[in-house]
Amino acid sequence: MKSSPIKLKQKLSPQAAKDKAARDKKMAMSPARKAKKAQNQRIGQRSDSDLHHTKSGAVKRVSIKNNRGNFGRGTKNE
């Protein structure tokens, strides 16, 4: 794995990092994730907010803080 300017919180062994990269790629390329990415591109992203996909399939604009922080529940157990 190449060095990144972004400091990652996880300290993974080379094998674990490789396995995680494979899992992340598989998830990112899933049909559901591809559909969400395409929809976001059609709607258009802005720098002041994120597009949040709800369980019902609707999309709403929310603050970056709320969307990336899992609406106050944190991301540790996601």
C-alpha atoms as a PDB file:
ATOM      1  CA  MET A   1       0.000   0.000   0.000  1.00  0.00           C
ATOM      2  CA  LYS A   2       1.413   3.372  -0.978  1.00  0.00           C
ATOM      3  CA  SER A   3       1.867   6.114   1.569  1.00  0.00           C
ATOM      4  CA  SER A   4      -0.930   8.643   1.707  1.00  0.00           C
ATOM      5  CA  PRO A   5      -0.810  12.295   2.827  1.00  0.00           C
ATOM      6  CA  ILE A   6      -3.983  11.567   4.782  1.00  0.00           C
ATOM      7  CA  LYS A   7      -3.210  10.065   8.170  1.00  0.00           C
ATOM      8  CA  LEU A   8      -5.405   7.028   8.715  1.00  0.00           C
ATOM      9  CA  LYS A   9      -6.606   6.202  12.215  1.00  0.00           C
ATOM     10  CA  GLN A  10      -6.314   2.488  11.633  1.00  0.00           C
ATOM     11  CA  LYS A  11      -2.894   0.915  12.035  1.00  0.00           C
ATOM     12  CA  LEU A  12      -3.226  -2.116   9.808  1.00  0.00           C
ATOM     13  CA  SER A  13      -0.717  -4.753   8.866  1.00  0.00           C
ATOM     14  CA  PRO A  14       0.085  -4.919   5.153  1.00  0.00           C
ATOM     15  CA  GLN A  15      -2.140  -8.001   4.720  1.00  0.00           C
ATOM     16  CA  ALA A  16      -5.017  -6.434   6.661  1.00  0.00           C
ATOM     17  CA  ALA A  17      -4.734  -3.227   4.596  1.00  0.00           C
ATOM     18  CA  LYS A  18      -4.824  -5.252   1.389  1.00  0.00           C
ATOM     19  CA  ASP A  19      -7.885  -7.187   2.576  1.00  0.00           C
ATOM     20  CA  LYS A  20      -9.644  -3.970   3.617  1.00  0.00           C
ATOM     21  CA  ALA A  21      -8.914  -2.348   0.260  1.00  0.00           C
ATOM     22  CA  ALA A  22     -10.476  -5.351  -1.490  1.00  0.00           C
ATOM     23  CA  ARG A  23     -13.589  -5.173   0.739  1.00  0.00           C
ATOM     24  CA  ASP A  24     -13.914  -1.419   0.239  1.00  0.00           C
ATOM     25  CA  LYS A  25     -13.597  -1.761  -3.535  1.00  0.00           C
ATOM     26  CA  LYS A  26     -16.210  -4.527  -3.617  1.00  0.00           C
ATOM     27  CA  MET A  27     -18.638  -2.354  -1.625  1.00  0.00           C
ATOM     28  CA  ALA A  28     -17.972   0.756  -3.729  1.00  0.00           C
ATOM     29  CA  MET A  29     -18.607  -1.151  -6.949  1.00  0.00           C
ATOM     30  CA  SER A  30     -21.823  -2.813  -5.806  1.00  0.00           C
ATOM     31  CA  PRO A  31     -24.912  -2.075  -7.941  1.00  0.00           C
ATOM     32  CA  ALA A  32     -26.636  -0.219  -5.085  1.00  0.00           C
ATOM     33  CA  ARG A  33     -23.614   2.003  -4.448  1.00  0.00           C
ATOM     34  CA  LYS A  34     -23.148   2.699  -8.165  1.00  0.00           C
ATOM     35  CA  ALA A  35     -26.791   3.777  -8.411  1.00  0.00           C
ATOM     36  CA  LYS A  36     -26.399   6.165  -5.460  1.00  0.00           C
ATOM     37  CA  LYS A  37     -23.239   7.682  -6.956  1.00  0.00           C
ATOM     38  CA  ALA A  38     -24.957   8.197 -10.329  1.00  0.00           C
ATOM     39  CA  GLN A  39     -27.955   9.797  -8.639  1.00  0.00           C
ATOM     40  CA  ASN A  40     -25.702  12.178  -6.689  1.00  0.00           C
ATOM     41  CA  GLN A  41     -23.988  13.213  -9.903  1.00  0.00           C
ATOM     42  CA  ARG A  42     -27.348  13.910 -11.581  1.00  0.00           C
ATOM     43  CA  ILE A  43     -28.552  16.019  -8.632  1.00  0.00           C
ATOM     44  CA  GLY A  44     -25.254  17.848  -8.229  1.00  0.00           C
ATOM     45  CA  GLN A  45     -23.076  18.123  -5.151  1.00  0.00           C
ATOM     46  CA  ARG A  46     -22.512  21.447  -3.399  1.00  0.00           C
ATOM     47  CA  SER A  47     -19.663  22.403  -1.104  1.00  0.00           C
ATOM     48  CA  ASP A  48     -21.972  23.441   1.763  1.00  0.00           C
ATOM     49  CA  SER A  49     -23.984  20.214   2.131  1.00  0.00           C
ATOM     50  CA  ASP A  50     -24.098  16.477   1.468  1.00  0.00           C
ATOM     51  CA  LEU A  51     -26.747  14.391  -0.251  1.00  0.00           C
ATOM     52  CA  HIS A  52     -28.136  11.760   2.119  1.00  0.00           C
ATOM     53  CA  HIS A  53     -29.892   8.644   0.841  1.00  0.00           C
ATOM     54  CA  THR A  54     -32.651   7.601   3.223  1.00  0.00           C
ATOM     55  CA  LYS A  55     -33.847   4.027   3.758  1.00  0.00           C
ATOM     56  CA  SER A  56     -36.938   4.790   1.665  1.00  0.00           C
ATOM     57  CA  GLY A  57     -34.718   5.685  -1.287  1.00  0.00           C
ATOM     58  CA  ALA A  58     -35.350   9.412  -1.128  1.00  0.00           C
ATOM     59  CA  VAL A  59     -32.468  11.868  -1.226  1.00  0.00           C
ATOM     60  CA  LYS A  60     -32.269  14.928   0.984  1.00  0.00           C
ATOM     61  CA  ARG A  61     -29.677  17.620   1.495  1.00  0.00           C
ATOM     62  CA  VAL A  62     -28.183  17.625   4.977  1.00  0.00           C
ATOM     63  CA  SER A  63     -25.242  19.302   6.661  1.00  0.00           C
ATOM     64  CA  ILE A  64     -21.867  17.719   6.101  1.00  0.00           C
ATOM     65  CA  LYS A  65     -21.401  17.396   9.864  1.00  0.00           C
ATOM     66  CA  ASN A  66     -24.609  15.408  10.328  1.00  0.00           C
ATOM     67  CA  ASN A  67     -24.218  13.143   7.314  1.00  0.00           C
ATOM     68  CA  ARG A  68     -20.596  12.178   7.926  1.00  0.00           C
ATOM     69  CA  GLY A  69     -21.080  11.924  11.700  1.00  0.00           C
ATOM     70  CA  ASN A  70     -24.029   9.522  11.334  1.00  0.00           C
ATOM     71  CA  PHE A  71     -26.444  12.097  12.757  1.00  0.00           C
ATOM     72  CA  GLY A  72     -24.816  12.216  16.187  1.00  0.00           C
ATOM     73  CA  ARG A  73     -24.392   8.456  16.573  1.00  0.00           C
ATOM     74  CA  GLY A  74     -20.774   8.427  15.387  1.00  0.00           C
ATOM     75  CA  THR A  75     -19.229   6.085  12.856  1.00  0.00           C
ATOM     76  CA  LYS A  76     -17.448   3.628  15.136  1.00  0.00           C
ATOM     77  CA  ASN A  77     -20.169   0.938  14.981  1.00  0.00           C
ATOM     78  CA  GLU A  78     -21.326   1.488  11.411  1.00  0.00           C
END
